[in-house]
Each structure stands twice: as C-alpha cells, then as structure tokens.
Amino acid sequence: MVYKKIAKMLAEIIDADYEDITQETELTTEYGIEAVNVAKLVIQCEKYFKIIIHDEDVHNFKRVKDIAEYIEEILSDN
C-alpha cells in the first residue's frame, strides 16, 4: 500500500504514468527525477502518512523501494 501511494505521488510530481514507476525506479535524473522532485515527494509523504522524514535520512533514498521501506518501518513503530 505504501509503495503504490508513493509511486502515484511521484508520478504526479514528474508528470509520468504511475504504472511506469516500480519499486526499483532509481531517484536519479536518468529517470527524469531531479533533487527538487525528491524533496517534493518527501514533503508529500510526510503530509500523507503524518510522519517526519529526517533530512539526513533522505540521502539514503536511492530507489522508490527505499522510501517505501523507510515509511513502513516508521509506521510499524507507531
């Protein structure tokens, strides 16, 4: 559930088709994802999931899967 919501948010941010975003999609310019897009995604995730994503953790997000796992871990701790 978390991954699908993140994929939909990211697709909206980068104006892409949601089905084209997989868990292995890399958060790089090669995929049309700029640093500002990642920042927007983090803000949207914080609002939607009602969590705080620490700035120092954002640098560890290399793929969509990394963000999903991070959020799932926070949600399971709460």
Protein backbone atom coordinates (compact mmCIF):
# COMPACT_ATOMS: atom_id res chain seq x y z
CA MET A 1 0.00 0.00 0.00
CA VAL A 2 2.79 2.40 0.92
CA TYR A 3 4.72 1.72 -2.30
CA LYS A 4 1.66 2.28 -4.51
CA LYS A 5 0.85 5.60 -2.86
CA ILE A 6 4.45 6.76 -3.21
CA ALA A 7 4.51 5.71 -6.86
CA LYS A 8 1.32 7.66 -7.52
CA MET A 9 2.67 10.76 -5.78
CA LEU A 10 5.96 10.56 -7.68
CA ALA A 11 4.19 10.04 -11.00
CA GLU A 12 2.18 13.19 -10.38
CA ILE A 13 5.28 15.18 -9.44
CA ILE A 14 7.29 14.18 -12.51
CA ASP A 15 4.27 14.01 -14.83
CA ALA A 16 4.73 10.33 -15.62
CA ASP A 17 2.48 7.29 -15.84
CA TYR A 18 2.10 5.65 -12.42
CA GLU A 19 2.47 2.16 -13.94
CA ASP A 20 5.95 3.10 -15.20
CA ILE A 21 7.24 3.57 -11.64
CA THR A 22 8.44 0.38 -9.99
CA GLN A 23 10.00 -0.28 -6.63
CA GLU A 24 13.37 -0.39 -8.39
CA THR A 25 12.94 3.01 -10.09
CA GLU A 26 16.03 4.99 -9.20
CA LEU A 27 15.67 8.52 -7.90
CA THR A 28 18.07 9.96 -10.49
CA THR A 29 17.98 12.39 -13.37
CA GLU A 30 18.31 9.38 -15.67
CA TYR A 31 14.70 8.62 -14.76
CA GLY A 32 13.69 12.28 -15.00
CA ILE A 33 13.76 12.73 -11.25
CA GLU A 34 15.61 15.83 -10.04
CA ALA A 35 16.58 16.56 -6.43
CA VAL A 36 13.71 19.04 -6.19
CA ASN A 37 11.30 16.24 -7.17
CA VAL A 38 12.62 14.06 -4.34
CA ALA A 39 12.17 16.97 -1.92
CA LYS A 40 8.56 17.43 -3.08
CA LEU A 41 7.95 13.69 -2.69
CA VAL A 42 9.35 13.68 0.84
CA ILE A 43 7.09 16.60 1.81
CA GLN A 44 4.03 14.91 0.32
CA CYS A 45 4.87 11.64 2.10
CA GLU A 46 5.25 13.45 5.41
CA LYS A 47 1.84 15.07 4.99
CA TYR A 48 0.03 11.98 3.71
CA PHE A 49 1.46 9.46 6.19
CA LYS A 50 1.66 12.02 9.04
CA ILE A 51 5.32 11.28 9.74
CA ILE A 52 8.62 13.12 9.87
CA ILE A 53 11.36 12.13 7.44
CA HIS A 54 14.68 13.40 8.75
CA ASP A 55 16.85 15.29 6.27
CA GLU A 56 19.87 13.09 7.00
CA ASP A 57 17.84 10.01 6.00
CA VAL A 58 16.76 11.41 2.62
CA HIS A 59 20.30 10.95 1.29
CA ASN A 60 19.88 7.17 1.73
CA PHE A 61 16.93 7.05 -0.67
CA LYS A 62 18.29 5.65 -3.94
CA ARG A 63 15.15 3.91 -5.21
CA VAL A 64 11.41 4.17 -4.65
CA LYS A 65 11.67 0.97 -2.60
CA ASP A 66 13.99 2.71 -0.12
CA ILE A 67 11.40 5.37 0.67
CA ALA A 68 8.61 2.79 0.99
CA GLU A 69 10.64 0.64 3.39
CA TYR A 70 11.62 3.67 5.46
CA ILE A 71 7.99 4.77 5.80
CA GLU A 72 6.76 1.24 6.53
CA GLU A 73 9.32 0.98 9.33
CA ILE A 74 8.18 4.29 10.88
CA LEU A 75 4.52 3.28 10.61
CA SER A 76 5.18 -0.11 12.21
CA ASP A 77 6.97 1.58 15.14
CA ASN A 78 3.96 3.79 15.86
